[in-house]
Protein backbone atom coordinates (compact mmCIF):
# COMPACT_ATOMS: atom_id res chain seq x y z
CA MET A 1 1.99 8.17 -21.27
CA ASN A 2 -0.44 8.73 -18.43
CA LYS A 3 -3.39 6.34 -18.82
CA PHE A 4 -5.86 9.07 -17.88
CA VAL A 5 -4.62 11.40 -20.62
CA LEU A 6 -4.85 8.58 -23.14
CA ILE A 7 -8.40 7.67 -22.09
CA LEU A 8 -9.49 11.33 -22.12
CA ALA A 9 -7.94 11.83 -25.56
CA MET A 10 -9.86 8.83 -26.87
CA LEU A 11 -13.13 10.03 -25.31
CA CYS A 12 -12.97 13.70 -26.37
CA PRO A 13 -14.28 13.24 -29.93
CA PHE A 14 -17.24 11.23 -28.63
CA VAL A 15 -17.97 13.65 -25.80
CA LEU A 16 -17.83 16.65 -28.12
CA THR A 17 -20.08 14.91 -30.67
CA ALA A 18 -22.56 13.95 -27.95
CA ALA A 19 -22.61 17.48 -26.58
CA GLY A 20 -23.07 19.05 -30.00
CA ASN A 21 -20.28 21.54 -29.43
CA ALA A 22 -17.80 22.54 -26.76
CA ALA A 23 -20.08 25.27 -25.40
CA GLU A 24 -22.61 22.66 -24.26
CA LEU A 25 -19.99 20.49 -22.59
CA LYS A 26 -20.67 20.35 -18.82
CA ILE A 27 -18.02 18.74 -16.64
CA GLY A 28 -18.14 18.00 -12.94
CA THR A 29 -15.63 16.53 -10.54
CA ILE A 30 -16.13 14.60 -7.32
CA SER A 31 -14.04 13.29 -4.48
CA LEU A 32 -15.11 9.71 -3.87
CA GLN A 33 -13.14 9.58 -0.63
CA LYS A 34 -14.86 12.71 0.72
CA ILE A 35 -18.30 11.46 -0.24
CA ILE A 36 -17.79 8.03 1.34
CA GLN A 37 -16.20 9.54 4.44
CA ASP A 38 -18.93 12.16 4.93
CA SER A 39 -21.98 10.08 3.99
CA LYS A 40 -24.18 8.57 6.69
CA ALA A 41 -23.77 5.08 5.23
CA GLY A 42 -20.00 5.54 4.92
CA GLN A 43 -19.69 6.66 8.53
CA GLU A 44 -21.72 3.66 9.74
CA ALA A 45 -19.57 1.36 7.62
CA GLN A 46 -16.40 2.86 9.08
CA LYS A 47 -17.71 2.31 12.62
CA THR A 48 -18.48 -1.32 11.79
CA ILE A 49 -15.08 -1.87 10.20
CA GLN A 50 -13.18 -0.12 13.00
CA GLY A 51 -15.11 -2.04 15.65
CA LYS A 52 -14.26 -5.36 14.05
CA ALA A 53 -10.63 -4.32 13.59
CA GLN A 54 -10.37 -3.45 17.29
CA GLU A 55 -12.00 -6.74 18.27
CA LEU A 56 -9.54 -8.73 16.16
CA LYS A 57 -6.60 -6.65 17.41
CA ASP A 58 -7.60 -7.33 21.02
CA LYS A 59 -7.80 -11.07 20.30
CA LEU A 60 -4.36 -11.10 18.74
CA GLN A 61 -2.75 -8.88 21.38
CA GLY A 62 -2.76 -11.61 24.04
CA ASP A 63 -1.03 -14.05 21.70
CA GLN A 64 1.51 -11.42 20.68
CA ASP A 65 2.27 -10.59 24.31
CA GLU A 66 2.75 -14.29 25.07
CA LEU A 67 5.14 -14.64 22.13
CA GLU A 68 7.16 -11.62 23.24
CA GLY A 69 7.35 -13.07 26.76
CA MET A 70 8.53 -16.42 25.43
CA ARG A 71 11.18 -14.75 23.24
CA ALA A 72 12.41 -12.67 26.19
CA GLU A 73 12.60 -15.78 28.41
CA ILE A 74 14.54 -17.70 25.73
CA GLU A 75 17.03 -14.86 25.33
CA LYS A 76 17.38 -14.35 29.09
CA LYS A 77 17.77 -18.00 30.13
CA ASN A 78 19.52 -19.28 27.00
CA SER A 79 22.92 -19.46 28.67
CA ILE A 80 21.76 -21.48 31.69
CA TRP A 81 19.54 -23.99 29.90
CA SER A 82 20.74 -27.32 28.64
CA ALA A 83 20.78 -27.97 24.89
CA ASP A 84 17.63 -30.12 25.15
CA ILE A 85 15.66 -27.44 27.02
CA LYS A 86 16.84 -24.75 24.58
CA GLU A 87 15.72 -26.86 21.65
CA GLU A 88 12.36 -27.65 23.28
CA LYS A 89 11.69 -23.98 24.15
CA GLU A 90 12.67 -22.81 20.65
CA ARG A 91 10.44 -25.46 19.05
CA GLU A 92 7.53 -24.40 21.31
CA TYR A 93 8.13 -20.75 20.43
CA GLN A 94 8.22 -21.49 16.67
CA LYS A 95 4.99 -23.52 16.92
CA LYS A 96 3.19 -20.66 18.70
CA LEU A 97 4.65 -18.14 16.23
CA ARG A 98 3.27 -20.10 13.26
CA ALA A 99 -0.13 -20.35 14.95
CA PHE A 100 -0.08 -16.59 15.57
CA GLN A 101 0.81 -15.91 11.93
CA VAL A 102 -2.12 -18.06 10.78
CA LYS A 103 -4.48 -16.20 13.14
CA SER A 104 -3.15 -12.89 11.88
CA GLU A 105 -3.68 -13.88 8.23
CA ASP A 106 -7.18 -15.10 9.06
CA ALA A 107 -7.94 -11.76 10.71
CA GLN A 108 -6.71 -9.86 7.64
CA TYR A 109 -8.87 -12.03 5.39
CA GLU A 110 -11.87 -11.51 7.65
CA MET A 111 -11.34 -7.74 7.48
CA LYS A 112 -11.18 -7.79 3.67
CA GLN A 113 -14.39 -9.82 3.55
CA LEU A 114 -16.13 -7.44 5.94
CA GLU A 115 -15.02 -4.39 3.94
CA ALA A 116 -16.34 -5.91 0.73
CA LYS A 117 -19.63 -6.84 2.39
CA VAL A 118 -20.13 -3.44 4.05
CA MET A 119 -18.74 -1.18 1.31
CA GLY A 120 -20.13 -3.04 -1.72
CA PRO A 121 -23.73 -1.81 -1.39
CA ILE A 122 -22.53 1.71 -0.55
CA LEU A 123 -20.34 1.87 -3.65
CA LYS A 124 -23.20 0.55 -5.79
CA GLU A 125 -25.56 3.21 -4.43
CA LEU A 126 -22.85 5.86 -4.84
CA HIS A 127 -22.50 4.95 -8.51
CA GLU A 128 -26.26 5.28 -8.93
CA ALA A 129 -26.28 8.62 -7.07
CA ILE A 130 -23.54 9.96 -9.34
CA ALA A 131 -25.56 8.89 -12.39
CA ARG A 132 -28.73 10.56 -11.02
CA VAL A 133 -26.88 13.81 -10.31
CA GLY A 134 -25.20 13.70 -13.71
CA LYS A 135 -28.40 13.09 -15.65
CA GLY A 136 -30.53 15.38 -13.51
CA ASN A 137 -28.15 18.31 -13.83
CA GLY A 138 -27.11 17.84 -17.45
CA TYR A 139 -23.49 16.84 -16.92
CA THR A 140 -21.70 15.45 -19.95
CA ILE A 141 -18.96 13.88 -17.86
CA ILE A 142 -18.13 13.54 -14.15
CA LEU A 143 -14.55 12.76 -13.17
CA GLU A 144 -13.02 11.68 -9.88
CA ASN A 145 -10.59 14.31 -8.61
CA SER A 146 -7.69 12.25 -7.27
CA ARG A 147 -6.07 15.27 -5.63
CA LYS A 148 -9.05 15.48 -3.27
CA GLY A 149 -9.82 11.81 -2.88
CA LEU A 150 -8.44 8.43 -3.75
CA GLN A 151 -4.84 8.77 -4.92
CA SER A 152 -5.16 6.71 -8.08
CA GLN A 153 -2.80 6.64 -11.03
CA ILE A 154 -5.59 7.41 -13.48
CA GLY A 155 -7.03 10.35 -11.58
CA LEU A 156 -7.62 13.92 -12.61
CA MET A 157 -4.49 15.99 -12.18
CA TYR A 158 -6.18 19.41 -11.93
CA ALA A 159 -9.69 20.79 -11.90
CA ASP A 160 -11.01 24.14 -10.79
CA ASP A 161 -12.87 23.89 -7.48
CA SER A 162 -15.98 25.33 -9.14
CA LEU A 163 -16.39 22.00 -10.98
CA ASP A 164 -16.58 20.01 -7.73
CA ILE A 165 -20.07 18.55 -7.23
CA SER A 166 -19.14 16.21 -4.35
CA ASP A 167 -21.62 17.85 -1.97
CA MET A 168 -24.43 17.45 -4.49
CA VAL A 169 -23.64 13.72 -4.87
CA LEU A 170 -23.29 13.36 -1.09
CA LYS A 171 -26.79 14.77 -0.59
CA GLU A 172 -28.17 12.43 -3.24
CA LEU A 173 -26.45 9.44 -1.63
CA ASP A 174 -27.75 10.33 1.83
CA LYS A 175 -31.33 10.51 0.52
CA LYS A 176 -31.33 6.71 0.33
C-alpha cells in the first residue's frame, strides 16, 4: 500500500477532530522544488553550487584528458612496444586512473558537503515559512505536491491547483 495513503488514513481522524468538522478543514499544497528554485536564497545557493561544480569539473578535465591520451597511446603503440614497455605504460596508466578516481570521489564528497552547508539553512527557513503561512492563514494541513515538485514516493498524487499556496510560501521565505 502506498505509504502516503497509509499516513493520511492514520492522520484523518486526528485532523478532523482538530478541525471540529470537515467544513472547517483547510488544506493547502506546495511545490518545494518550485519554492526553492524561485526563491532568492535558492537561486543564490544554486549559483554557488553550480560555480563550485564547474570549478571541480575544470580541475578534473585536465586529468581526464591526460588519461584518454595515455589510453590512446597505449592502444596505438601496443604492437610496436616491447613487453616491458607495455607493462610499464599500463602500470603508469592504472596508477593515474586510480588517482583520478580518488580525486573524482573527493570532488563528489565536496559537492555533497557544500550542498548540505548551503541548502541546510534555506530548508530550515523554508520549514519555518511554511509554518508561518499555515498558522497565519488557518490551514489545517499543508502537503507537498510531488507532481509539481520533488518526485517522492510519499507525495500527493492529485490536488486541485486552487489548493496550491507555493507563491504565498515563496513570498514569506523571501521576506527573510
